[in-house]
Amino acid sequence: MPENLFVVLMGVGTVFFGLICIILLCTVMSAVCRSMGTGSAVPAAAAPAAPAVRNDAIPNRQAMIAAISAAIAEDLGTDLAGIRILSVKKL
């Protein structure tokens, strides 16, 4: 019986010792990162302009719409004829 108690206490002690080491390591690394971050601050760039609208044609548009419709129908568990895609925009 004392051997079982010893094994349990050693296991719990090892786990908590490991957790304390991880907490200390995180605290030290946080302090190091904070000290390094203040000296080499990168100036903020100007806000980027809105991207230009691309009017590129979507290649294989019908095949892509068919694939999207099939995936949606499969996910919803409905018939493919019940799916209607109104618009597709290229991002």
PDB file of N, CA and C in Angstrom:
ATOM      1  N   MET A   1       0.810  -1.202   0.000  1.00  0.00           N
ATOM      2  CA  MET A   1       0.000   0.000   0.000  1.00  0.00           C
ATOM      3  C   MET A   1       0.853   1.265   0.000  1.00  0.00           C
ATOM      4  N   PRO A   2       1.905   1.353   0.833  1.00  0.00           N
ATOM      5  CA  PRO A   2       2.724   2.568   0.801  1.00  0.00           C
ATOM      6  C   PRO A   2       3.408   2.768  -0.546  1.00  0.00           C
ATOM      7  N   GLU A   3       3.682   1.662  -1.260  1.00  0.00           N
ATOM      8  CA  GLU A   3       4.323   1.810  -2.572  1.00  0.00           C
ATOM      9  C   GLU A   3       3.388   2.494  -3.564  1.00  0.00           C
ATOM     10  N   ASN A   4       2.097   2.168  -3.509  1.00  0.00           N
ATOM     11  CA  ASN A   4       1.128   2.796  -4.404  1.00  0.00           C
ATOM     12  C   ASN A   4       1.007   4.291  -4.116  1.00  0.00           C
ATOM     13  N   LEU A   5       0.966   4.632  -2.831  1.00  0.00           N
ATOM     14  CA  LEU A   5       0.887   6.031  -2.438  1.00  0.00           C
ATOM     15  C   LEU A   5       2.127   6.793  -2.901  1.00  0.00           C
ATOM     16  N   PHE A   6       3.286   6.170  -2.791  1.00  0.00           N
ATOM     17  CA  PHE A   6       4.533   6.795  -3.235  1.00  0.00           C
ATOM     18  C   PHE A   6       4.496   7.059  -4.741  1.00  0.00           C
ATOM     19  N   VAL A   7       4.016   6.088  -5.508  1.00  0.00           N
ATOM     20  CA  VAL A   7       3.941   6.249  -6.963  1.00  0.00           C
ATOM     21  C   VAL A   7       2.985   7.382  -7.324  1.00  0.00           C
ATOM     22  N   VAL A   8       1.830   7.448  -6.666  1.00  0.00           N
ATOM     23  CA  VAL A   8       0.853   8.511  -6.943  1.00  0.00           C
ATOM     24  C   VAL A   8       1.442   9.877  -6.605  1.00  0.00           C
ATOM     25  N   LEU A   9       2.076   9.988  -5.450  1.00  0.00           N
ATOM     26  CA  LEU A   9       2.653  11.277  -5.048  1.00  0.00           C
ATOM     27  C   LEU A   9       3.795  11.691  -5.974  1.00  0.00           C
ATOM     28  N   MET A  10       4.600  10.751  -6.415  1.00  0.00           N
ATOM     29  CA  MET A  10       5.676  11.080  -7.358  1.00  0.00           C
ATOM     30  C   MET A  10       5.101  11.548  -8.691  1.00  0.00           C
ATOM     31  N   GLY A  11       4.040  10.903  -9.157  1.00  0.00           N
ATOM     32  CA  GLY A  11       3.424  11.305 -10.416  1.00  0.00           C
ATOM     33  C   GLY A  11       2.818  12.692 -10.336  1.00  0.00           C
ATOM     34  N   VAL A  12       2.065  12.937  -9.284  1.00  0.00           N
ATOM     35  CA  VAL A  12       1.445  14.255  -9.104  1.00  0.00           C
ATOM     36  C   VAL A  12       2.524  15.319  -8.922  1.00  0.00           C
ATOM     37  N   GLY A  13       3.555  15.014  -8.153  1.00  0.00           N
ATOM     38  CA  GLY A  13       4.648  15.971  -7.953  1.00  0.00           C
ATOM     39  C   GLY A  13       5.365  16.285  -9.250  1.00  0.00           C
ATOM     40  N   THR A  14       5.594  15.269 -10.066  1.00  0.00           N
ATOM     41  CA  THR A  14       6.268  15.475 -11.349  1.00  0.00           C
ATOM     42  C   THR A  14       5.435  16.360 -12.260  1.00  0.00           C
ATOM     43  N   VAL A  15       4.121  16.103 -12.311  1.00  0.00           N
ATOM     44  CA  VAL A  15       3.240  16.912 -13.159  1.00  0.00           C
ATOM     45  C   VAL A  15       3.257  18.365 -12.714  1.00  0.00           C
ATOM     46  N   PHE A  16       3.095  18.611 -11.425  1.00  0.00           N
ATOM     47  CA  PHE A  16       3.068  19.995 -10.956  1.00  0.00           C
ATOM     48  C   PHE A  16       4.423  20.674 -11.108  1.00  0.00           C
ATOM     49  N   PHE A  17       5.503  19.934 -10.912  1.00  0.00           N
ATOM     50  CA  PHE A  17       6.829  20.508 -11.138  1.00  0.00           C
ATOM     51  C   PHE A  17       6.985  20.902 -12.611  1.00  0.00           C
ATOM     52  N   GLY A  18       6.519  20.046 -13.519  1.00  0.00           N
ATOM     53  CA  GLY A  18       6.582  20.364 -14.945  1.00  0.00           C
ATOM     54  C   GLY A  18       5.743  21.582 -15.290  1.00  0.00           C
ATOM     55  N   LEU A  19       4.550  21.673 -14.719  1.00  0.00           N
ATOM     56  CA  LEU A  19       3.685  22.836 -14.982  1.00  0.00           C
ATOM     57  C   LEU A  19       4.315  24.130 -14.470  1.00  0.00           C
ATOM     58  N   ILE A  20       4.924  24.076 -13.311  1.00  0.00           N
ATOM     59  CA  ILE A  20       5.590  25.264 -12.767  1.00  0.00           C
ATOM     60  C   ILE A  20       6.744  25.675 -13.672  1.00  0.00           C
ATOM     61  N   CYS A  21       7.487  24.701 -14.193  1.00  0.00           N
ATOM     62  CA  CYS A  21       8.588  25.012 -15.117  1.00  0.00           C
ATOM     63  C   CYS A  21       8.062  25.659 -16.394  1.00  0.00           C
ATOM     64  N   ILE A  22       6.955  25.164 -16.919  1.00  0.00           N
ATOM     65  CA  ILE A  22       6.365  25.747 -18.130  1.00  0.00           C
ATOM     66  C   ILE A  22       5.915  27.178 -17.871  1.00  0.00           C
ATOM     67  N   ILE A  23       5.302  27.432 -16.725  1.00  0.00           N
ATOM     68  CA  ILE A  23       4.853  28.796 -16.388  1.00  0.00           C
ATOM     69  C   ILE A  23       6.048  29.731 -16.286  1.00  0.00           C
ATOM     70  N   LEU A  24       7.109  29.292 -15.625  1.00  0.00           N
ATOM     71  CA  LEU A  24       8.306  30.126 -15.499  1.00  0.00           C
ATOM     72  C   LEU A  24       8.936  30.399 -16.868  1.00  0.00           C
ATOM     73  N   LEU A  25       9.000  29.375 -17.696  1.00  0.00           N
ATOM     74  CA  LEU A  25       9.563  29.553 -19.036  1.00  0.00           C
ATOM     75  C   LEU A  25       8.734  30.548 -19.857  1.00  0.00           C
ATOM     76  N   CYS A  26       7.416  30.455 -19.772  1.00  0.00           N
ATOM     77  CA  CYS A  26       6.554  31.404 -20.501  1.00  0.00           C
ATOM     78  C   CYS A  26       6.742  32.825 -19.991  1.00  0.00           C
ATOM     79  N   THR A  27       6.875  32.982 -18.689  1.00  0.00           N
ATOM     80  CA  THR A  27       7.076  34.313 -18.112  1.00  0.00           C
ATOM     81  C   THR A  27       8.403  34.909 -18.573  1.00  0.00           C
ATOM     82  N   VAL A  28       9.458  34.099 -18.563  1.00  0.00           N
ATOM     83  CA  VAL A  28      10.770  34.586 -18.996  1.00  0.00           C
ATOM     84  C   VAL A  28      10.752  34.945 -20.480  1.00  0.00           C
ATOM     85  N   MET A  29      10.158  34.087 -21.303  1.00  0.00           N
ATOM     86  CA  MET A  29      10.104  34.366 -22.738  1.00  0.00           C
ATOM     87  C   MET A  29       9.257  35.600 -23.037  1.00  0.00           C
ATOM     88  N   SER A  30       8.194  35.805 -22.288  1.00  0.00           N
ATOM     89  CA  SER A  30       7.372  36.995 -22.463  1.00  0.00           C
ATOM     90  C   SER A  30       8.169  38.251 -22.139  1.00  0.00           C
ATOM     91  N   ALA A  31       8.954  38.206 -21.064  1.00  0.00           N
ATOM     92  CA  ALA A  31       9.771  39.362 -20.699  1.00  0.00           C
ATOM     93  C   ALA A  31      10.833  39.633 -21.759  1.00  0.00           C
ATOM     94  N   VAL A  32      11.440  38.582 -22.295  1.00  0.00           N
ATOM     95  CA  VAL A  32      12.458  38.750 -23.334  1.00  0.00           C
ATOM     96  C   VAL A  32      11.832  39.351 -24.593  1.00  0.00           C
ATOM     97  N   CYS A  33      10.684  38.841 -24.986  1.00  0.00           N
ATOM     98  CA  CYS A  33      10.027  39.370 -26.194  1.00  0.00           C
ATOM     99  C   CYS A  33       9.600  40.818 -26.017  1.00  0.00           C
ATOM    100  N   ARG A  34       9.115  41.155 -24.819  1.00  0.00           N
ATOM    101  CA  ARG A  34       8.721  42.544 -24.568  1.00  0.00           C
ATOM    102  C   ARG A  34       9.928  43.473 -24.609  1.00  0.00           C
ATOM    103  N   SER A  35      11.061  43.043 -24.069  1.00  0.00           N
ATOM    104  CA  SER A  35      12.245  43.898 -24.055  1.00  0.00           C
ATOM    105  C   SER A  35      12.820  44.066 -25.461  1.00  0.00           C
ATOM    106  N   MET A  36      12.723  43.048 -26.286  1.00  0.00           N
ATOM    107  CA  MET A  36      13.234  43.147 -27.654  1.00  0.00           C
ATOM    108  C   MET A  36      12.287  43.917 -28.557  1.00  0.00           C
ATOM    109  N   GLY A  37      11.005  43.895 -28.264  1.00  0.00           N
ATOM    110  CA  GLY A  37      10.015  44.535 -29.120  1.00  0.00           C
ATOM    111  C   GLY A  37       9.997  46.047 -29.015  1.00  0.00           C
ATOM    112  N   THR A  38      10.392  46.636 -27.899  1.00  0.00           N
ATOM    113  CA  THR A  38      10.298  48.083 -27.728  1.00  0.00           C
ATOM    114  C   THR A  38      11.383  48.821 -28.506  1.00  0.00           C
ATOM    115  N   GLY A  39      12.548  48.232 -28.683  1.00  0.00           N
ATOM    116  CA  GLY A  39      13.650  48.923 -29.339  1.00  0.00           C
ATOM    117  C   GLY A  39      13.550  48.934 -30.854  1.00  0.00           C
ATOM    118  N   SER A  40      12.946  47.939 -31.442  1.00  0.00           N
ATOM    119  CA  SER A  40      12.927  47.853 -32.897  1.00  0.00           C
ATOM    120  C   SER A  40      11.504  47.913 -33.442  1.00  0.00           C
ATOM    121  N   ALA A  41      10.805  48.940 -33.051  1.00  0.00           N
ATOM    122  CA  ALA A  41       9.428  49.082 -33.529  1.00  0.00           C
ATOM    123  C   ALA A  41       9.435  49.478 -34.997  1.00  0.00           C
ATOM    124  N   VAL A  42       8.617  48.805 -35.777  1.00  0.00           N
ATOM    125  CA  VAL A  42       8.505  49.093 -37.201  1.00  0.00           C
ATOM    126  C   VAL A  42       7.412  50.138 -37.374  1.00  0.00           C
ATOM    127  N   PRO A  43       7.685  51.220 -38.109  1.00  0.00           N
ATOM    128  CA  PRO A  43       6.640  52.229 -38.285  1.00  0.00           C
ATOM    129  C   PRO A  43       5.455  51.644 -39.049  1.00  0.00           C
ATOM    130  N   ALA A  44       4.281  52.105 -38.669  1.00  0.00           N
ATOM    131  CA  ALA A  44       3.065  51.600 -39.302  1.00  0.00           C
ATOM    132  C   ALA A  44       2.973  52.113 -40.734  1.00  0.00           C
ATOM    133  N   ALA A  45       2.647  51.229 -41.636  1.00  0.00           N
ATOM    134  CA  ALA A  45       2.503  51.605 -43.043  1.00  0.00           C
ATOM    135  C   ALA A  45       1.170  52.297 -43.241  1.00  0.00           C
ATOM    136  N   ALA A  46       1.088  53.094 -44.299  1.00  0.00           N
ATOM    137  CA  ALA A  46      -0.161  53.766 -44.609  1.00  0.00           C
ATOM    138  C   ALA A  46      -1.206  52.730 -44.975  1.00  0.00           C
ATOM    139  N   ALA A  47      -2.453  53.068 -44.744  1.00  0.00           N
ATOM    140  CA  ALA A  47      -3.541  52.139 -45.043  1.00  0.00           C
ATOM    141  C   ALA A  47      -3.549  51.837 -46.539  1.00  0.00           C
ATOM    142  N   PRO A  48      -3.616  50.563 -46.905  1.00  0.00           N
ATOM    143  CA  PRO A  48      -3.613  50.228 -48.329  1.00  0.00           C
ATOM    144  C   PRO A  48      -4.898  50.677 -49.003  1.00  0.00           C
ATOM    145  N   ALA A  49      -4.750  51.056 -50.247  1.00  0.00           N
ATOM    146  CA  ALA A  49      -5.920  51.477 -51.003  1.00  0.00           C
ATOM    147  C   ALA A  49      -6.798  50.268 -51.271  1.00  0.00           C
ATOM    148  N   ALA A  50      -8.056  50.522 -51.541  1.00  0.00           N
ATOM    149  CA  ALA A  50      -8.988  49.441 -51.842  1.00  0.00           C
ATOM    150  C   ALA A  50      -8.525  48.728 -53.102  1.00  0.00           C
ATOM    151  N   PRO A  51      -8.560  47.402 -53.103  1.00  0.00           N
ATOM    152  CA  PRO A  51      -8.096  46.681 -54.290  1.00  0.00           C
ATOM    153  C   PRO A  51      -8.985  46.968 -55.489  1.00  0.00           C
ATOM    154  N   ALA A  52      -8.354  47.002 -56.632  1.00  0.00           N
ATOM    155  CA  ALA A  52      -9.103  47.261 -57.853  1.00  0.00           C
ATOM    156  C   ALA A  52     -10.017  46.084 -58.158  1.00  0.00           C
ATOM    157  N   VAL A  53     -11.150  46.378 -58.719  1.00  0.00           N
ATOM    158  CA  VAL A  53     -12.101  45.328 -59.066  1.00  0.00           C
ATOM    159  C   VAL A  53     -11.557  44.563 -60.260  1.00  0.00           C
ATOM    160  N   ARG A  54     -11.499  43.243 -60.107  1.00  0.00           N
ATOM    161  CA  ARG A  54     -10.975  42.412 -61.174  1.00  0.00           C
ATOM    162  C   ARG A  54     -12.140  41.870 -61.990  1.00  0.00           C
ATOM    163  N   ASN A  55     -12.083  42.102 -63.280  1.00  0.00           N
ATOM    164  CA  ASN A  55     -13.135  41.644 -64.166  1.00  0.00           C
ATOM    165  C   ASN A  55     -12.689  40.431 -64.972  1.00  0.00           C
ATOM    166  N   ASP A  56     -11.762  39.650 -64.415  1.00  0.00           N
ATOM    167  CA  ASP A  56     -11.281  38.472 -65.110  1.00  0.00           C
ATOM    168  C   ASP A  56     -12.412  37.459 -65.233  1.00  0.00           C
ATOM    169  N   ALA A  57     -12.481  36.834 -66.377  1.00  0.00           N
ATOM    170  CA  ALA A  57     -13.476  35.784 -66.563  1.00  0.00           C
ATOM    171  C   ALA A  57     -13.074  34.557 -65.758  1.00  0.00           C
ATOM    172  N   ILE A  58     -14.049  33.895 -65.175  1.00  0.00           N
ATOM    173  CA  ILE A  58     -13.788  32.691 -64.397  1.00  0.00           C
ATOM    174  C   ILE A  58     -13.694  31.530 -65.375  1.00  0.00           C
ATOM    175  N   PRO A  59     -12.537  30.849 -65.428  1.00  0.00           N
ATOM    176  CA  PRO A  59     -12.420  29.728 -66.358  1.00  0.00           C
ATOM    177  C   PRO A  59     -13.293  28.560 -65.900  1.00  0.00           C
ATOM    178  N   ASN A  60     -13.888  27.863 -66.860  1.00  0.00           N
ATOM    179  CA  ASN A  60     -14.755  26.712 -66.573  1.00  0.00           C
ATOM    180  C   ASN A  60     -15.859  27.072 -65.586  1.00  0.00           C
ATOM    181  N   ARG A  61     -16.523  28.162 -65.843  1.00  0.00           N
ATOM    182  CA  ARG A  61     -17.547  28.680 -64.932  1.00  0.00           C
ATOM    183  C   ARG A  61     -18.658  27.659 -64.680  1.00  0.00           C
ATOM    184  N   GLN A  62     -19.150  27.009 -65.735  1.00  0.00           N
ATOM    185  CA  GLN A  62     -20.251  26.064 -65.573  1.00  0.00           C
ATOM    186  C   GLN A  62     -19.823  24.850 -64.740  1.00  0.00           C
ATOM    187  N   ALA A  63     -18.607  24.372 -64.958  1.00  0.00           N
ATOM    188  CA  ALA A  63     -18.120  23.229 -64.191  1.00  0.00           C
ATOM    189  C   ALA A  63     -17.945  23.599 -62.724  1.00  0.00           C
ATOM    190  N   MET A  64     -17.467  24.811 -62.466  1.00  0.00           N
ATOM    191  CA  MET A  64     -17.292  25.256 -61.097  1.00  0.00           C
ATOM    192  C   MET A  64     -18.642  25.394 -60.398  1.00  0.00           C
ATOM    193  N   ILE A  65     -19.628  25.966 -61.066  1.00  0.00           N
ATOM    194  CA  ILE A  65     -20.958  26.125 -60.481  1.00  0.00           C
ATOM    195  C   ILE A  65     -21.580  24.755 -60.225  1.00  0.00           C
ATOM    196  N   ALA A  66     -21.368  23.798 -61.138  1.00  0.00           N
ATOM    197  CA  ALA A  66     -21.892  22.447 -60.940  1.00  0.00           C
ATOM    198  C   ALA A  66     -21.254  21.796 -59.720  1.00  0.00           C
ATOM    199  N   ALA A  67     -19.954  21.986 -59.543  1.00  0.00           N
ATOM    200  CA  ALA A  67     -19.261  21.407 -58.394  1.00  0.00           C
ATOM    201  C   ALA A  67     -19.738  22.040 -57.087  1.00  0.00           C
ATOM    202  N   ILE A  68     -19.920  23.346 -57.088  1.00  0.00           N
ATOM    203  CA  ILE A  68     -20.410  24.044 -55.896  1.00  0.00           C
ATOM    204  C   ILE A  68     -21.814  23.575 -55.561  1.00  0.00           C
ATOM    205  N   SER A  69     -22.667  23.457 -56.580  1.00  0.00           N
ATOM    206  CA  SER A  69     -24.038  22.998 -56.363  1.00  0.00           C
ATOM    207  C   SER A  69     -24.064  21.584 -55.797  1.00  0.00           C
ATOM    208  N   ALA A  70     -23.230  20.707 -56.346  1.00  0.00           N
ATOM    209  CA  ALA A  70     -23.189  19.329 -55.862  1.00  0.00           C
ATOM    210  C   ALA A  70     -22.718  19.276 -54.416  1.00  0.00           C
ATOM    211  N   ALA A  71     -21.724  20.083 -54.062  1.00  0.00           N
ATOM    212  CA  ALA A  71     -21.221  20.083 -52.688  1.00  0.00           C
ATOM    213  C   ALA A  71     -22.273  20.605 -51.717  1.00  0.00           C
ATOM    214  N   ILE A  72     -22.991  21.654 -52.109  1.00  0.00           N
ATOM    215  CA  ILE A  72     -24.037  22.213 -51.242  1.00  0.00           C
ATOM    216  C   ILE A  72     -25.176  21.218 -51.091  1.00  0.00           C
ATOM    217  N   ALA A  73     -25.584  20.594 -52.195  1.00  0.00           N
ATOM    218  CA  ALA A  73     -26.673  19.615 -52.138  1.00  0.00           C
ATOM    219  C   ALA A  73     -26.288  18.425 -51.263  1.00  0.00           C
ATOM    220  N   GLU A  74     -25.048  17.984 -51.361  1.00  0.00           N
ATOM    221  CA  GLU A  74     -24.586  16.858 -50.542  1.00  0.00           C
ATOM    222  C   GLU A  74     -24.589  17.230 -49.067  1.00  0.00           C
ATOM    223  N   ASP A  75     -24.145  18.445 -48.755  1.00  0.00           N
ATOM    224  CA  ASP A  75     -24.086  18.888 -47.373  1.00  0.00           C
ATOM    225  C   ASP A  75     -25.481  19.047 -46.781  1.00  0.00           C
ATOM    226  N   LEU A  76     -26.398  19.598 -47.570  1.00  0.00           N
ATOM    227  CA  LEU A  76     -27.757  19.819 -47.089  1.00  0.00           C
ATOM    228  C   LEU A  76     -28.619  18.561 -47.168  1.00  0.00           C
ATOM    229  N   GLY A  77     -28.170  17.576 -47.947  1.00  0.00           N
ATOM    230  CA  GLY A  77     -28.944  16.357 -48.094  1.00  0.00           C
ATOM    231  C   GLY A  77     -30.166  16.538 -48.977  1.00  0.00           C
ATOM    232  N   THR A  78     -30.095  17.444 -49.935  1.00  0.00           N
ATOM    233  CA  THR A  78     -31.220  17.695 -50.832  1.00  0.00           C
ATOM    234  C   THR A  78     -30.862  17.266 -52.241  1.00  0.00           C
ATOM    235  N   ASP A  79     -31.832  17.403 -53.129  1.00  0.00           N
ATOM    236  CA  ASP A  79     -31.629  17.087 -54.531  1.00  0.00           C
ATOM    237  C   ASP A  79     -30.880  18.231 -55.205  1.00  0.00           C
ATOM    238  N   LEU A  80     -30.080  17.898 -56.187  1.00  0.00           N
ATOM    239  CA  LEU A  80     -29.298  18.911 -56.901  1.00  0.00           C
ATOM    240  C   LEU A  80     -30.191  19.899 -57.637  1.00  0.00           C
ATOM    241  N   ALA A  81     -31.375  19.454 -58.075  1.00  0.00           N
ATOM    242  CA  ALA A  81     -32.292  20.338 -58.800  1.00  0.00           C
ATOM    243  C   ALA A  81     -32.853  21.434 -57.896  1.00  0.00           C
ATOM    244  N   GLY A  82     -32.797  21.242 -56.584  1.00  0.00           N
ATOM    245  CA  GLY A  82     -33.328  22.234 -55.660  1.00  0.00           C
ATOM    246  C   GLY A  82     -32.349  23.336 -55.310  1.00  0.00           C
ATOM    247  N   ILE A  83     -31.160  23.299 -55.865  1.00  0.00           N
ATOM    248  CA  ILE A  83     -30.130  24.300 -55.568  1.00  0.00           C
ATOM    249  C   ILE A  83     -30.063  25.275 -56.728  1.00  0.00           C
ATOM    250  N   ARG A  84     -30.110  26.557 -56.419  1.00  0.00           N
ATOM    251  CA  ARG A  84     -29.977  27.588 -57.439  1.00  0.00           C
ATOM    252  C   ARG A  84     -28.937  28.598 -56.972  1.00  0.00           C
ATOM    253  N   ILE A  85     -27.859  28.722 -57.707  1.00  0.00           N
ATOM    254  CA  ILE A  85     -26.807  29.689 -57.400  1.00  0.00           C
ATOM    255  C   ILE A  85     -27.068  30.921 -58.248  1.00  0.00           C
ATOM    256  N   LEU A  86     -27.249  32.075 -57.586  1.00  0.00           N
ATOM    257  CA  LEU A  86     -27.617  33.301 -58.279  1.00  0.00           C
ATOM    258  C   LEU A  86     -26.411  34.072 -58.788  1.00  0.00           C
ATOM    259  N   SER A  87     -25.315  34.070 -58.039  1.00  0.00           N
ATOM    260  CA  SER A  87     -24.148  34.809 -58.514  1.00  0.00           C
ATOM    261  C   SER A  87     -22.883  34.191 -57.924  1.00  0.00           C
ATOM    262  N   VAL A  88     -21.799  34.319 -58.680  1.00  0.00           N
ATOM    263  CA  VAL A  88     -20.487  33.848 -58.265  1.00  0.00           C
ATOM    264  C   VAL A  88     -19.507  34.965 -58.599  1.00  0.00           C
ATOM    265  N   LYS A  89     -18.743  35.372 -57.592  1.00  0.00           N
ATOM    266  CA  LYS A  89     -17.756  36.428 -57.799  1.00  0.00           C
ATOM    267  C   LYS A  89     -16.359  35.889 -57.477  1.00  0.00           C
ATOM    268  N   LYS A  90     -15.412  36.208 -58.311  1.00  0.00           N
ATOM    269  CA  LYS A  90     -14.033  35.806 -58.071  1.00  0.00           C
ATOM    270  C   LYS A  90     -13.408  36.777 -57.089  1.00  0.00           C
ATOM    271  N   LEU A  91     -12.768  36.240 -56.077  1.00  0.00           N
ATOM    272  CA  LEU A  91     -12.135  37.103 -55.065  1.00  0.00           C
ATOM    273  C   LEU A  91     -10.698  37.349 -55.382  1.00  0.00           C
TER     274      LEU A  91
END
